[in-house]
N, C-alpha and C. Protein backbone atom coordinates (compact mmCIF):
# COMPACT_ATOMS: atom_id res chain seq x y z
N MET A 1 1.40 -1.07 0.27
CA MET A 1 0.11 0.01 -0.30
C MET A 1 0.70 1.36 0.07
N THR A 2 0.99 2.06 -1.10
CA THR A 2 0.71 3.78 -0.69
C THR A 2 0.96 4.24 0.49
N ASN A 3 1.77 4.95 1.28
CA ASN A 3 1.48 5.48 1.94
C ASN A 3 1.55 7.47 2.35
N ASN A 4 1.60 7.92 1.15
CA ASN A 4 1.67 9.76 0.69
C ASN A 4 0.15 9.99 1.47
N ASN A 5 -0.56 11.31 2.30
CA ASN A 5 -2.06 11.76 3.10
C ASN A 5 -2.50 12.48 1.42
N ASN A 6 -1.40 12.98 0.08
CA ASN A 6 -2.47 12.94 -0.85
C ASN A 6 -2.74 12.16 -2.00
N GLU A 7 -1.88 10.74 -1.93
CA GLU A 7 -2.11 9.83 -2.39
C GLU A 7 -3.34 8.79 -2.22
N PRO A 8 -4.31 8.04 -2.58
CA PRO A 8 -5.13 7.12 -2.51
C PRO A 8 -4.12 5.74 -1.20
N ARG A 9 -4.75 5.13 -0.75
CA ARG A 9 -3.70 3.88 -0.01
C ARG A 9 -4.19 3.18 -1.33
N THR A 10 -3.26 2.01 -1.44
CA THR A 10 -4.13 0.68 -2.96
C THR A 10 -3.64 -0.44 -1.95
N GLY A 11 -4.22 -1.82 -2.45
CA GLY A 11 -3.76 -2.52 -1.55
C GLY A 11 -4.47 -4.01 -2.63
N THR A 12 -4.24 -5.48 -3.04
CA THR A 12 -4.88 -6.12 -3.87
C THR A 12 -5.16 -7.14 -2.90
N LEU A 13 -6.36 -7.04 -3.62
CA LEU A 13 -7.87 -7.68 -2.94
C LEU A 13 -7.23 -9.77 -3.25
N ALA A 14 -7.04 -9.58 -4.51
CA ALA A 14 -7.11 -11.29 -5.50
C ALA A 14 -6.68 -10.80 -6.59
N GLU A 15 -5.80 -12.07 -7.26
CA GLU A 15 -5.19 -11.38 -8.53
C GLU A 15 -4.91 -13.14 -9.77
N THR A 16 -5.64 -13.02 -10.37
CA THR A 16 -5.15 -14.73 -11.17
C THR A 16 -4.39 -14.00 -11.71
N GLU A 17 -4.05 -15.07 -13.25
CA GLU A 17 -2.98 -15.09 -14.43
C GLU A 17 -3.85 -13.20 -15.15
N ASN A 18 -5.11 -13.94 -14.86
CA ASN A 18 -5.63 -12.71 -15.86
C ASN A 18 -6.61 -11.72 -15.28
N PHE A 19 -6.78 -11.40 -13.83
CA PHE A 19 -7.39 -10.51 -13.28
C PHE A 19 -6.75 -10.10 -12.12
N LEU A 20 -7.21 -9.01 -12.01
CA LEU A 20 -6.47 -8.53 -10.44
C LEU A 20 -7.68 -7.39 -10.13
N ALA A 21 -8.13 -7.72 -8.84
CA ALA A 21 -8.71 -6.52 -7.74
C ALA A 21 -8.31 -6.11 -7.01
N TRP A 22 -8.76 -4.83 -6.74
CA TRP A 22 -8.05 -4.30 -5.86
C TRP A 22 -8.59 -2.95 -5.55
N LYS A 23 -8.54 -1.94 -3.89
CA LYS A 23 -9.35 -0.84 -3.78
C LYS A 23 -8.29 -0.05 -3.03
N ALA A 24 -8.73 1.16 -3.55
CA ALA A 24 -8.41 2.59 -2.81
C ALA A 24 -8.42 3.38 -1.48
N GLU A 25 -7.64 3.48 -0.39
CA GLU A 25 -9.12 4.05 0.05
C GLU A 25 -8.08 6.12 0.13
N GLU A 26 -9.52 6.15 -0.32
CA GLU A 26 -9.22 8.21 -1.05
C GLU A 26 -8.57 8.88 0.57
N PRO A 27 -8.36 9.71 0.19
CA PRO A 27 -7.47 10.73 1.14
C PRO A 27 -9.41 11.39 2.82
N ASP A 28 -10.07 11.40 1.47
CA ASP A 28 -11.60 11.52 1.83
C ASP A 28 -12.45 10.33 2.04
N GLY A 29 -11.96 9.07 2.32
CA GLY A 29 -12.67 8.85 3.38
C GLY A 29 -13.06 7.32 2.15
N GLU A 30 -13.85 7.63 1.13
CA GLU A 30 -14.47 7.08 0.30
C GLU A 30 -13.22 6.17 -0.33
N VAL A 31 -13.91 5.00 -0.60
CA VAL A 31 -13.49 3.92 -0.43
C VAL A 31 -13.81 2.96 -1.78
N THR A 32 -13.06 3.33 -2.79
CA THR A 32 -13.28 2.69 -3.96
C THR A 32 -12.91 1.04 -4.67
N TYR A 33 -13.05 0.28 -5.27
CA TYR A 33 -12.38 -0.94 -5.45
C TYR A 33 -12.97 -1.01 -7.37
N HIS A 34 -12.10 -1.52 -7.80
CA HIS A 34 -11.96 -1.60 -9.50
C HIS A 34 -11.10 -3.26 -9.92
N ILE A 35 -11.64 -3.43 -11.13
CA ILE A 35 -11.10 -4.94 -11.47
C ILE A 35 -10.65 -4.53 -12.49
N ASP A 36 -9.26 -4.95 -13.10
CA ASP A 36 -8.62 -5.22 -14.06
C ASP A 36 -8.74 -6.43 -14.63
N ILE A 37 -9.31 -6.11 -15.86
CA ILE A 37 -9.56 -7.36 -16.88
C ILE A 37 -9.28 -7.22 -18.43
N ASN A 38 -7.29 -7.32 -18.20
CA ASN A 38 -6.83 -6.81 -19.36
C ASN A 38 -6.85 -5.13 -19.17
N ASN A 39 -6.37 -5.14 -20.51
CA ASN A 39 -6.82 -3.43 -20.31
C ASN A 39 -7.32 -2.53 -19.94
N VAL A 40 -8.56 -3.07 -19.21
CA VAL A 40 -10.17 -2.71 -18.84
C VAL A 40 -10.11 -2.35 -17.75
N THR A 41 -10.49 -1.46 -16.94
CA THR A 41 -10.66 -1.31 -15.16
C THR A 41 -12.05 -1.04 -14.99
N VAL A 42 -12.45 -1.59 -14.21
CA VAL A 42 -13.81 -1.62 -14.10
C VAL A 42 -14.14 -0.67 -12.44
N HIS A 43 -14.57 0.58 -12.38
CA HIS A 43 -14.05 0.90 -11.23
C HIS A 43 -15.65 1.03 -9.67
N PHE A 44 -16.04 0.58 -8.75
CA PHE A 44 -16.91 0.46 -7.72
C PHE A 44 -17.30 1.67 -6.96
N PHE A 45 -17.86 2.12 -6.30
CA PHE A 45 -18.07 2.44 -5.09
C PHE A 45 -18.37 1.55 -4.28
N GLN A 46 -18.92 1.79 -3.07
CA GLN A 46 -18.54 0.94 -2.32
C GLN A 46 -20.17 -0.14 -2.18
N GLU A 47 -21.04 0.99 -3.15
CA GLU A 47 -22.96 -0.31 -2.89
C GLU A 47 -22.33 0.02 -3.91
N GLU A 48 -21.86 -0.39 -5.31
CA GLU A 48 -22.09 -0.80 -6.78
C GLU A 48 -20.52 -2.28 -5.86
N TRP A 49 -19.67 -1.92 -5.54
CA TRP A 49 -19.15 -3.57 -4.86
C TRP A 49 -20.21 -4.23 -4.23
N THR A 50 -20.70 -3.91 -3.25
CA THR A 50 -21.52 -4.74 -2.64
C THR A 50 -22.78 -5.42 -3.42
N GLU A 51 -22.74 -4.12 -4.55
CA GLU A 51 -23.72 -4.72 -5.36
C GLU A 51 -23.48 -6.40 -6.60
N PHE A 52 -22.47 -5.52 -7.12
CA PHE A 52 -21.74 -6.54 -7.63
C PHE A 52 -21.33 -8.69 -7.14
N LEU A 53 -20.74 -8.54 -5.99
CA LEU A 53 -20.50 -9.17 -4.83
C LEU A 53 -21.50 -9.58 -5.30
N GLN A 54 -22.92 -9.87 -4.70
CA GLN A 54 -23.73 -10.40 -4.27
C GLN A 54 -24.21 -11.28 -6.44
N LEU A 55 -23.69 -10.47 -6.98
CA LEU A 55 -24.26 -11.14 -8.02
C LEU A 55 -23.98 -12.09 -8.74
N VAL A 56 -22.07 -11.96 -8.11
CA VAL A 56 -21.33 -13.03 -8.47
C VAL A 56 -20.96 -14.59 -7.62
N ARG A 57 -21.75 -13.84 -6.42
CA ARG A 57 -22.00 -15.29 -5.59
C ARG A 57 -23.40 -15.85 -6.18
N GLU A 58 -24.00 -15.10 -7.11
CA GLU A 58 -25.10 -15.60 -8.19
C GLU A 58 -24.92 -16.80 -8.53
N LEU A 59 -23.41 -16.93 -9.85
CA LEU A 59 -23.16 -17.03 -10.69
C LEU A 59 -22.88 -18.64 -10.36
N LYS A 60 -22.84 -19.04 -9.19
CA LYS A 60 -22.43 -19.76 -8.58
C LYS A 60 -23.36 -21.17 -9.66
């Protein structure tokens, strides 16, 4: 995780060969979630992330 007060703190949540899920804690307290799929990144706010995880669980 980075540790500059003006920069978001980032951390990897999960990683495979083709995908990366990570989160960013913004200096203003907002937490955003991101999924990298090859050269595309999908960004989520907390409420969207929660709904996305629910969707993924239902795929099983």
